[in-house]
PDB file of all heavy atoms in Angstrom:
ATOM      1  N   LEU A   1     -53.398 -96.831   1.079  1.00  0.00           N
ATOM      2  CA  LEU A   1     -54.475 -96.748   0.090  1.00  0.00           C
ATOM      3  C   LEU A   1     -55.623 -97.699   0.398  1.00  0.00           C
ATOM      4  O   LEU A   1     -56.473 -97.947  -0.451  1.00  0.00           O
ATOM      5  CB  LEU A   1     -53.906 -97.040  -1.311  1.00  0.00           C
ATOM      6  CG  LEU A   1     -52.788 -96.089  -1.778  1.00  0.00           C
ATOM      7  CD1 LEU A   1     -52.183 -96.574  -3.089  1.00  0.00           C
ATOM      8  CD2 LEU A   1     -53.331 -94.673  -1.937  1.00  0.00           C
ATOM      9  N   ASN A   2     -55.658 -98.220   1.614  1.00  0.00           N
ATOM     10  CA  ASN A   2     -56.718 -99.164   1.982  1.00  0.00           C
ATOM     11  C   ASN A   2     -58.104 -98.546   1.920  1.00  0.00           C
ATOM     12  O   ASN A   2     -59.101 -99.244   1.704  1.00  0.00           O
ATOM     13  CB  ASN A   2     -56.467 -99.717   3.386  1.00  0.00           C
ATOM     14  CG  ASN A   2     -55.441-100.836   3.399  1.00  0.00           C
ATOM     15  OD1 ASN A   2     -55.036-101.335   2.347  1.00  0.00           O
ATOM     16  ND2 ASN A   2     -55.005-101.234   4.585  1.00  0.00           N
ATOM     17  N   SER A   3     -58.183 -97.235   2.106  1.00  0.00           N
ATOM     18  CA  SER A   3     -59.492 -96.574   2.100  1.00  0.00           C
ATOM     19  C   SER A   3     -60.173 -96.640   0.741  1.00  0.00           C
ATOM     20  O   SER A   3     -61.387 -96.425   0.635  1.00  0.00           O
ATOM     21  CB  SER A   3     -59.341 -95.114   2.526  1.00  0.00           C
ATOM     22  OG  SER A   3     -58.507 -94.408   1.618  1.00  0.00           O
ATOM     23  N   LEU A   4     -59.415 -96.973  -0.313  1.00  0.00           N
ATOM     24  CA  LEU A   4     -59.998 -97.053  -1.653  1.00  0.00           C
ATOM     25  C   LEU A   4     -60.866 -98.300  -1.837  1.00  0.00           C
ATOM     26  O   LEU A   4     -61.637 -98.379  -2.793  1.00  0.00           O
ATOM     27  CB  LEU A   4     -58.886 -97.057  -2.709  1.00  0.00           C
ATOM     28  CG  LEU A   4     -57.966 -95.833  -2.743  1.00  0.00           C
ATOM     29  CD1 LEU A   4     -56.918 -95.995  -3.848  1.00  0.00           C
ATOM     30  CD2 LEU A   4     -58.764 -94.552  -2.952  1.00  0.00           C
ATOM     31  N   GLY A   5     -60.714 -99.259  -0.940  1.00  0.00           N
ATOM     32  CA  GLY A   5     -61.547-100.464  -1.025  1.00  0.00           C
ATOM     33  C   GLY A   5     -60.983-101.550  -1.921  1.00  0.00           C
ATOM     34  O   GLY A   5     -61.740-102.414  -2.388  1.00  0.00           O
ATOM     35  N   GLY A   6     -59.692-101.542  -2.145  1.00  0.00           N
ATOM     36  CA  GLY A   6     -59.092-102.532  -3.030  1.00  0.00           C
ATOM     37  C   GLY A   6     -59.294-103.963  -2.573  1.00  0.00           C
ATOM     38  O   GLY A   6     -59.658-104.843  -3.362  1.00  0.00           O
ATOM     39  N   MET A   7     -59.084-104.244  -1.290  1.00  0.00           N
ATOM     40  CA  MET A   7     -59.255-105.602  -0.789  1.00  0.00           C
ATOM     41  C   MET A   7     -60.714-106.032  -0.884  1.00  0.00           C
ATOM     42  O   MET A   7     -61.016-107.190  -1.210  1.00  0.00           O
ATOM     43  CB  MET A   7     -58.756-105.690   0.652  1.00  0.00           C
ATOM     44  CG  MET A   7     -58.613-107.107   1.175  1.00  0.00           C
ATOM     45  SD  MET A   7     -57.378-108.093   0.269  1.00  0.00           S
ATOM     46  CE  MET A   7     -55.854-107.315   0.835  1.00  0.00           C
ATOM     47  N   HIS A   8     -61.623-105.113  -0.626  1.00  0.00           N
ATOM     48  CA  HIS A   8     -63.053-105.437  -0.722  1.00  0.00           C
ATOM     49  C   HIS A   8     -63.445-105.753  -2.165  1.00  0.00           C
ATOM     50  O   HIS A   8     -64.241-106.661  -2.419  1.00  0.00           O
ATOM     51  CB  HIS A   8     -63.885-104.279  -0.176  1.00  0.00           C
ATOM     52  CG  HIS A   8     -63.723-104.072   1.291  1.00  0.00           C
ATOM     53  ND1 HIS A   8     -62.633-103.434   1.830  1.00  0.00           N
ATOM     54  CD2 HIS A   8     -64.519-104.443   2.344  1.00  0.00           C
ATOM     55  CE1 HIS A   8     -62.755-103.404   3.153  1.00  0.00           C
ATOM     56  NE2 HIS A   8     -63.891-103.994   3.483  1.00  0.00           N
ATOM     57  N   LEU A   9     -62.868-105.016  -3.115  1.00  0.00           N
ATOM     58  CA  LEU A   9     -63.124-105.312  -4.528  1.00  0.00           C
ATOM     59  C   LEU A   9     -62.671-106.728  -4.867  1.00  0.00           C
ATOM     60  O   LEU A   9     -63.390-107.476  -5.549  1.00  0.00           O
ATOM     61  CB  LEU A   9     -62.395-104.301  -5.410  1.00  0.00           C
ATOM     62  CG  LEU A   9     -62.321-104.637  -6.910  1.00  0.00           C
ATOM     63  CD1 LEU A   9     -63.714-104.618  -7.534  1.00  0.00           C
ATOM     64  CD2 LEU A   9     -61.391-103.662  -7.640  1.00  0.00           C
ATOM     65  N   LEU A  10     -61.491-107.121  -4.391  1.00  0.00           N
ATOM     66  CA  LEU A  10     -60.939-108.434  -4.718  1.00  0.00           C
ATOM     67  C   LEU A  10     -61.792-109.556  -4.124  1.00  0.00           C
ATOM     68  O   LEU A  10     -62.045-110.572  -4.787  1.00  0.00           O
ATOM     69  CB  LEU A  10     -59.502-108.534  -4.215  1.00  0.00           C
ATOM     70  CG  LEU A  10     -58.509-107.568  -4.849  1.00  0.00           C
ATOM     71  CD1 LEU A  10     -57.137-107.696  -4.202  1.00  0.00           C
ATOM     72  CD2 LEU A  10     -58.401-107.796  -6.357  1.00  0.00           C
ATOM     73  N   PHE A  11     -62.239-109.368  -2.896  1.00  0.00           N
ATOM     74  CA  PHE A  11     -63.094-110.387  -2.283  1.00  0.00           C
ATOM     75  C   PHE A  11     -64.427-110.495  -3.018  1.00  0.00           C
ATOM     76  O   PHE A  11     -64.926-111.601  -3.264  1.00  0.00           O
ATOM     77  CB  PHE A  11     -63.327-110.056  -0.801  1.00  0.00           C
ATOM     78  CG  PHE A  11     -62.314-110.656   0.119  1.00  0.00           C
ATOM     79  CD1 PHE A  11     -60.974-110.308   0.037  1.00  0.00           C
ATOM     80  CD2 PHE A  11     -62.689-111.584   1.079  1.00  0.00           C
ATOM     81  CE1 PHE A  11     -60.035-110.851   0.888  1.00  0.00           C
ATOM     82  CE2 PHE A  11     -61.756-112.142   1.944  1.00  0.00           C
ATOM     83  CZ  PHE A  11     -60.421-111.775   1.848  1.00  0.00           C
ATOM     84  N   TRP A  12     -65.012-109.357  -3.373  1.00  0.00           N
ATOM     85  CA  TRP A  12     -66.307-109.391  -4.029  1.00  0.00           C
ATOM     86  C   TRP A  12     -66.207-110.009  -5.420  1.00  0.00           C
ATOM     87  O   TRP A  12     -67.065-110.805  -5.812  1.00  0.00           O
ATOM     88  CB  TRP A  12     -66.902-107.991  -4.094  1.00  0.00           C
ATOM     89  CG  TRP A  12     -68.289-107.961  -4.667  1.00  0.00           C
ATOM     90  CD1 TRP A  12     -68.710-107.288  -5.776  1.00  0.00           C
ATOM     91  CD2 TRP A  12     -69.437-108.659  -4.174  1.00  0.00           C
ATOM     92  NE1 TRP A  12     -70.043-107.511  -5.994  1.00  0.00           N
ATOM     93  CE2 TRP A  12     -70.517-108.358  -5.018  1.00  0.00           C
ATOM     94  CE3 TRP A  12     -69.654-109.502  -3.086  1.00  0.00           C
ATOM     95  CZ2 TRP A  12     -71.793-108.868  -4.827  1.00  0.00           C
ATOM     96  CZ3 TRP A  12     -70.932-110.023  -2.880  1.00  0.00           C
ATOM     97  CH2 TRP A  12     -71.982-109.711  -3.757  1.00  0.00           C
ATOM     98  N   ARG A  13     -65.159-109.690  -6.158  1.00  0.00           N
ATOM     99  CA  ARG A  13     -64.968-110.313  -7.467  1.00  0.00           C
ATOM    100  C   ARG A  13     -64.741-111.817  -7.326  1.00  0.00           C
ATOM    101  O   ARG A  13     -65.216-112.607  -8.147  1.00  0.00           O
ATOM    102  CB  ARG A  13     -63.794-109.666  -8.199  1.00  0.00           C
ATOM    103  CG  ARG A  13     -64.079-108.267  -8.747  1.00  0.00           C
ATOM    104  CD  ARG A  13     -65.172-108.290  -9.817  1.00  0.00           C
ATOM    105  NE  ARG A  13     -64.777-109.033 -10.989  1.00  0.00           N
ATOM    106  CZ  ARG A  13     -64.239-108.506 -12.075  1.00  0.00           C
ATOM    107  NH1 ARG A  13     -64.023-107.202 -12.137  1.00  0.00           N
ATOM    108  NH2 ARG A  13     -63.926-109.248 -13.117  1.00  0.00           N
ATOM    109  N   SER A  14     -64.039-112.217  -6.284  1.00  0.00           N
ATOM    110  CA  SER A  14     -63.829-113.649  -6.036  1.00  0.00           C
ATOM    111  C   SER A  14     -65.154-114.348  -5.768  1.00  0.00           C
ATOM    112  O   SER A  14     -65.403-115.462  -6.257  1.00  0.00           O
ATOM    113  CB  SER A  14     -62.881-113.851  -4.847  1.00  0.00           C
ATOM    114  OG  SER A  14     -61.606-113.308  -5.106  1.00  0.00           O
ATOM    115  N   ILE A  15     -66.024-113.693  -5.001  1.00  0.00           N
ATOM    116  CA  ILE A  15     -67.333-114.269  -4.714  1.00  0.00           C
ATOM    117  C   ILE A  15     -68.164-114.356  -5.986  1.00  0.00           C
ATOM    118  O   ILE A  15     -68.814-115.385  -6.256  1.00  0.00           O
ATOM    119  CB  ILE A  15     -68.048-113.418  -3.643  1.00  0.00           C
ATOM    120  CG1 ILE A  15     -67.353-113.569  -2.291  1.00  0.00           C
ATOM    121  CG2 ILE A  15     -69.525-113.804  -3.538  1.00  0.00           C
ATOM    122  CD1 ILE A  15     -67.842-112.607  -1.232  1.00  0.00           C
ATOM    123  N   GLN A  16     -68.158-113.305  -6.798  1.00  0.00           N
ATOM    124  CA  GLN A  16     -68.923-113.315  -8.046  1.00  0.00           C
ATOM    125  C   GLN A  16     -68.469-114.431  -8.974  1.00  0.00           C
ATOM    126  O   GLN A  16     -69.284-115.173  -9.535  1.00  0.00           O
ATOM    127  CB  GLN A  16     -68.776-111.963  -8.742  1.00  0.00           C
ATOM    128  CG  GLN A  16     -69.494-110.819  -8.035  1.00  0.00           C
ATOM    129  CD  GLN A  16     -69.207-109.478  -8.698  1.00  0.00           C
ATOM    130  OE1 GLN A  16     -68.059-109.131  -8.972  1.00  0.00           O
ATOM    131  NE2 GLN A  16     -70.265-108.710  -8.956  1.00  0.00           N
ATOM    132  N   GLU A  17     -67.162-114.570  -9.145  1.00  0.00           N
ATOM    133  CA  GLU A  17     -66.632-115.615 -10.024  1.00  0.00           C
ATOM    134  C   GLU A  17     -66.943-117.007  -9.483  1.00  0.00           C
ATOM    135  O   GLU A  17     -67.236-117.931 -10.248  1.00  0.00           O
ATOM    136  CB  GLU A  17     -65.127-115.449 -10.193  1.00  0.00           C
ATOM    137  CG  GLU A  17     -64.729-114.270 -11.060  1.00  0.00           C
ATOM    138  CD  GLU A  17     -63.236-114.261 -11.341  1.00  0.00           C
ATOM    139  OE1 GLU A  17     -62.563-115.270 -11.055  1.00  0.00           O
ATOM    140  OE2 GLU A  17     -62.741-113.238 -11.840  1.00  0.00           O
ATOM    141  N   SER A  18     -66.861-117.155  -8.164  1.00  0.00           N
ATOM    142  CA  SER A  18     -67.153-118.454  -7.560  1.00  0.00           C
ATOM    143  C   SER A  18     -68.598-118.855  -7.792  1.00  0.00           C
ATOM    144  O   SER A  18     -68.899-120.028  -8.059  1.00  0.00           O
ATOM    145  CB  SER A  18     -66.842-118.413  -6.061  1.00  0.00           C
ATOM    146  OG  SER A  18     -65.465-118.171  -5.835  1.00  0.00           O
ATOM    147  N   LYS A  19     -69.504-117.875  -7.696  1.00  0.00           N
ATOM    148  CA  LYS A  19     -70.908-118.159  -7.967  1.00  0.00           C
ATOM    149  C   LYS A  19     -71.100-118.590  -9.417  1.00  0.00           C
ATOM    150  O   LYS A  19     -71.822-119.550  -9.701  1.00  0.00           O
ATOM    151  CB  LYS A  19     -71.752-116.916  -7.673  1.00  0.00           C
ATOM    152  CG  LYS A  19     -71.932-116.613  -6.195  1.00  0.00           C
ATOM    153  CD  LYS A  19     -72.853-117.631  -5.525  1.00  0.00           C
ATOM    154  CE  LYS A  19     -74.271-117.540  -6.073  1.00  0.00           C
ATOM    155  NZ  LYS A  19     -75.171-118.533  -5.417  1.00  0.00           N
ATOM    156  N   GLU A  20     -70.439-117.889 -10.336  1.00  0.00           N
ATOM    157  CA  GLU A  20     -70.561-118.219 -11.757  1.00  0.00           C
ATOM    158  C   GLU A  20     -70.024-119.619 -12.049  1.00  0.00           C
ATOM    159  O   GLU A  20     -70.523-120.323 -12.923  1.00  0.00           O
ATOM    160  CB  GLU A  20     -69.804-117.189 -12.587  1.00  0.00           C
ATOM    161  CG  GLU A  20     -70.433-115.801 -12.582  1.00  0.00           C
ATOM    162  CD  GLU A  20     -69.579-114.780 -13.299  1.00  0.00           C
ATOM    163  OE1 GLU A  20     -68.514-115.170 -13.829  1.00  0.00           O
ATOM    164  OE2 GLU A  20     -69.963-113.587 -13.321  1.00  0.00           O
ATOM    165  N   ALA A  21     -69.002-120.036 -11.301  1.00  0.00           N
ATOM    166  CA  ALA A  21     -68.394-121.345 -11.516  1.00  0.00           C
ATOM    167  C   ALA A  21     -69.121-122.463 -10.780  1.00  0.00           C
ATOM    168  O   ALA A  21     -68.751-123.636 -10.908  1.00  0.00           O
ATOM    169  CB  ALA A  21     -66.926-121.308 -11.078  1.00  0.00           C
ATOM    170  N   GLY A  22     -70.131-122.095 -10.001  1.00  0.00           N
ATOM    171  CA  GLY A  22     -70.899-123.104  -9.284  1.00  0.00           C
ATOM    172  C   GLY A  22     -70.238-123.611  -8.012  1.00  0.00           C
ATOM    173  O   GLY A  22     -70.598-124.685  -7.508  1.00  0.00           O
ATOM    174  N   LEU A  23     -69.278-122.859  -7.477  1.00  0.00           N
ATOM    175  CA  LEU A  23     -68.648-123.264  -6.226  1.00  0.00           C
ATOM    176  C   LEU A  23     -69.610-123.047  -5.064  1.00  0.00           C
ATOM    177  O   LEU A  23     -70.519-122.227  -5.129  1.00  0.00           O
ATOM    178  CB  LEU A  23     -67.349-122.480  -5.998  1.00  0.00           C
ATOM    179  CG  LEU A  23     -66.283-122.593  -7.096  1.00  0.00           C
ATOM    180  CD1 LEU A  23     -65.011-121.863  -6.685  1.00  0.00           C
ATOM    181  CD2 LEU A  23     -65.986-124.046  -7.414  1.00  0.00           C
ATOM    182  N   ARG A  24     -69.374-123.769  -3.975  1.00  0.00           N
ATOM    183  CA  ARG A  24     -70.308-123.732  -2.848  1.00  0.00           C
ATOM    184  C   ARG A  24     -69.733-123.084  -1.596  1.00  0.00           C
ATOM    185  O   ARG A  24     -70.486-122.689  -0.708  1.00  0.00           O
ATOM    186  CB  ARG A  24     -70.746-125.168  -2.513  1.00  0.00           C
ATOM    187  CG  ARG A  24     -71.531-125.834  -3.631  1.00  0.00           C
ATOM    188  CD  ARG A  24     -71.635-127.333  -3.408  1.00  0.00           C
ATOM    189  NE  ARG A  24     -72.337-127.666  -2.178  1.00  0.00           N
ATOM    190  CZ  ARG A  24     -73.646-127.827  -2.077  1.00  0.00           C
ATOM    191  NH1 ARG A  24     -74.407-127.664  -3.153  1.00  0.00           N
ATOM    192  NH2 ARG A  24     -74.205-128.153  -0.934  1.00  0.00           N
ATOM    193  N   VAL A  25     -68.403-122.982  -1.520  1.00  0.00           N
ATOM    194  CA  VAL A  25     -67.769-122.473  -0.298  1.00  0.00           C
ATOM    195  C   VAL A  25     -66.636-121.518  -0.656  1.00  0.00           C
ATOM    196  O   VAL A  25     -65.848-121.790  -1.570  1.00  0.00           O
ATOM    197  CB  VAL A  25     -67.201-123.631   0.568  1.00  0.00           C
ATOM    198  CG1 VAL A  25     -66.485-123.076   1.803  1.00  0.00           C
ATOM    199  CG2 VAL A  25     -68.302-124.596   0.975  1.00  0.00           C
ATOM    200  N   PHE A  26     -66.564-120.411   0.055  1.00  0.00           N
ATOM    201  CA  PHE A  26     -65.415-119.500  -0.013  1.00  0.00           C
ATOM    202  C   PHE A  26     -64.724-119.610   1.349  1.00  0.00           C
ATOM    203  O   PHE A  26     -65.226-119.122   2.361  1.00  0.00           O
ATOM    204  CB  PHE A  26     -65.883-118.070  -0.271  1.00  0.00           C
ATOM    205  CG  PHE A  26     -64.768-117.081  -0.520  1.00  0.00           C
ATOM    206  CD1 PHE A  26     -63.471-117.475  -0.799  1.00  0.00           C
ATOM    207  CD2 PHE A  26     -65.033-115.720  -0.467  1.00  0.00           C
ATOM    208  CE1 PHE A  26     -62.460-116.565  -1.028  1.00  0.00           C
ATOM    209  CE2 PHE A  26     -64.033-114.776  -0.702  1.00  0.00           C
ATOM    210  CZ  PHE A  26     -62.746-115.208  -0.981  1.00  0.00           C
ATOM    211  N   ASP A  27     -63.576-120.282   1.366  1.00  0.00           N
ATOM    212  CA  ASP A  27     -62.812-120.487   2.595  1.00  0.00           C
ATOM    213  C   ASP A  27     -61.910-119.275   2.794  1.00  0.00           C
ATOM    214  O   ASP A  27     -60.969-119.063   2.024  1.00  0.00           O
ATOM    215  CB  ASP A  27     -61.983-121.777   2.485  1.00  0.00           C
ATOM    216  CG  ASP A  27     -61.278-122.145   3.785  1.00  0.00           C
ATOM    217  OD1 ASP A  27     -61.123-121.269   4.656  1.00  0.00           O
ATOM    218  OD2 ASP A  27     -60.857-123.316   3.919  1.00  0.00           O
ATOM    219  N   LEU A  28     -62.189-118.479   3.829  1.00  0.00           N
ATOM    220  CA  LEU A  28     -61.427-117.261   4.087  1.00  0.00           C
ATOM    221  C   LEU A  28     -60.187-117.518   4.923  1.00  0.00           C
ATOM    222  O   LEU A  28     -59.460-116.581   5.264  1.00  0.00           O
ATOM    223  CB  LEU A  28     -62.309-116.220   4.775  1.00  0.00           C
ATOM    224  CG  LEU A  28     -63.615-115.858   4.059  1.00  0.00           C
ATOM    225  CD1 LEU A  28     -64.314-114.719   4.778  1.00  0.00           C
ATOM    226  CD2 LEU A  28     -63.369-115.502   2.608  1.00  0.00           C
ATOM    227  N   GLY A  29     -59.936-118.778   5.260  1.00  0.00           N
ATOM    228  CA  GLY A  29     -58.689-119.122   5.925  1.00  0.00           C
ATOM    229  C   GLY A  29     -58.688-118.849   7.411  1.00  0.00           C
ATOM    230  O   GLY A  29     -59.673-118.420   8.012  1.00  0.00           O
ATOM    231  N   ARG A  30     -57.531-119.109   8.004  1.00  0.00           N
ATOM    232  CA  ARG A  30     -57.389-118.973   9.452  1.00  0.00           C
ATOM    233  C   ARG A  30     -56.933-117.568   9.818  1.00  0.00           C
ATOM    234  O   ARG A  30     -56.339-116.850   9.014  1.00  0.00           O
ATOM    235  CB  ARG A  30     -56.391-120.005   9.998  1.00  0.00           C
ATOM    236  CG  ARG A  30     -54.946-119.644   9.773  1.00  0.00           C
ATOM    237  CD  ARG A  30     -53.993-120.670  10.376  1.00  0.00           C
ATOM    238  NE  ARG A  30     -52.627-120.164  10.338  1.00  0.00           N
ATOM    239  CZ  ARG A  30     -51.556-120.864  10.669  1.00  0.00           C
ATOM    240  NH1 ARG A  30     -51.694-122.124  11.053  1.00  0.00           N
ATOM    241  NH2 ARG A  30     -50.348-120.325  10.603  1.00  0.00           N
ATOM    242  N   SER A  31     -57.205-117.207  11.068  1.00  0.00           N
ATOM    243  CA  SER A  31     -56.771-115.928  11.626  1.00  0.00           C
ATOM    244  C   SER A  31     -56.267-116.167  13.036  1.00  0.00           C
ATOM    245  O   SER A  31     -56.853-116.963  13.790  1.00  0.00           O
ATOM    246  CB  SER A  31     -57.927-114.922  11.678  1.00  0.00           C
ATOM    247  OG  SER A  31     -58.579-114.806  10.430  1.00  0.00           O
ATOM    248  N   ASP A  32     -55.189-115.484  13.409  1.00  0.00           N
ATOM    249  CA  ASP A  32     -54.729-115.548  14.786  1.00  0.00           C
ATOM    250  C   ASP A  32     -55.815-115.017  15.714  1.00  0.00           C
ATOM    251  O   ASP A  32     -56.480-114.024  15.407  1.00  0.00           O
ATOM    252  CB  ASP A  32     -53.462-114.713  14.981  1.00  0.00           C
ATOM    253  CG  ASP A  32     -52.255-115.320  14.271  1.00  0.00           C
ATOM    254  OD1 ASP A  32     -52.293-116.535  13.984  1.00  0.00           O
ATOM    255  OD2 ASP A  32     -51.287-114.588  14.017  1.00  0.00           O
ATOM    256  N   ILE A  33     -55.989-115.661  16.847  1.00  0.00           N
ATOM    257  CA  ILE A  33     -56.999-115.249  17.814  1.00  0.00           C
ATOM    258  C   ILE A  33     -56.813-113.792  18.221  1.00  0.00           C
ATOM    259  O   ILE A  33     -57.773-113.050  18.434  1.00  0.00           O
ATOM    260  CB  ILE A  33     -56.957-116.160  19.060  1.00  0.00           C
ATOM    261  CG1 ILE A  33     -57.422-117.579  18.703  1.00  0.00           C
ATOM    262  CG2 ILE A  33     -57.797-115.588  20.183  1.00  0.00           C
ATOM    263  CD1 ILE A  33     -58.880-117.678  18.350  1.00  0.00           C
ATOM    264  N   GLU A  34     -55.533-113.365  18.311  1.00  0.00           N
ATOM    265  CA  GLU A  34     -55.251-111.997  18.744  1.00  0.00           C
ATOM    266  C   GLU A  34     -55.510-110.963  17.656  1.00  0.00           C
ATOM    267  O   GLU A  34     -55.562-109.761  17.933  1.00  0.00           O
ATOM    268  CB  GLU A  34     -53.794-111.882  19.206  1.00  0.00           C
ATOM    269  CG  GLU A  34     -53.429-112.750  20.403  1.00  0.00           C
ATOM    270  CD  GLU A  34     -53.145-114.192  20.014  1.00  0.00           C
ATOM    271  OE1 GLU A  34     -53.051-114.475  18.778  1.00  0.00           O
ATOM    272  OE2 GLU A  34     -53.030-115.039  20.913  1.00  0.00           O
ATOM    273  N   ASN A  35     -55.660-111.406  16.402  1.00  0.00           N
ATOM    274  CA  ASN A  35     -55.843-110.475  15.296  1.00  0.00           C
ATOM    275  C   ASN A  35     -57.324-110.136  15.141  1.00  0.00           C
ATOM    276  O   ASN A  35     -57.998-110.579  14.215  1.00  0.00           O
ATOM    277  CB  ASN A  35     -55.285-111.078  14.008  1.00  0.00           C
ATOM    278  CG  ASN A  35     -55.096-110.050  12.913  1.00  0.00           C
ATOM    279  OD1 ASN A  35     -55.699-108.974  12.947  1.00  0.00           O
ATOM    280  ND2 ASN A  35     -54.278-110.368  11.930  1.00  0.00           N
TER     281      ASN A  35
END
């Protein structure tokens, strides 16, 4: 069900809430080089 955009919705809502709370950084974490 990834084509529905669920993960994108969650990231965008996180960004919106962070802006409202006055946060300055969204840390997306680490990723394996091969990924």
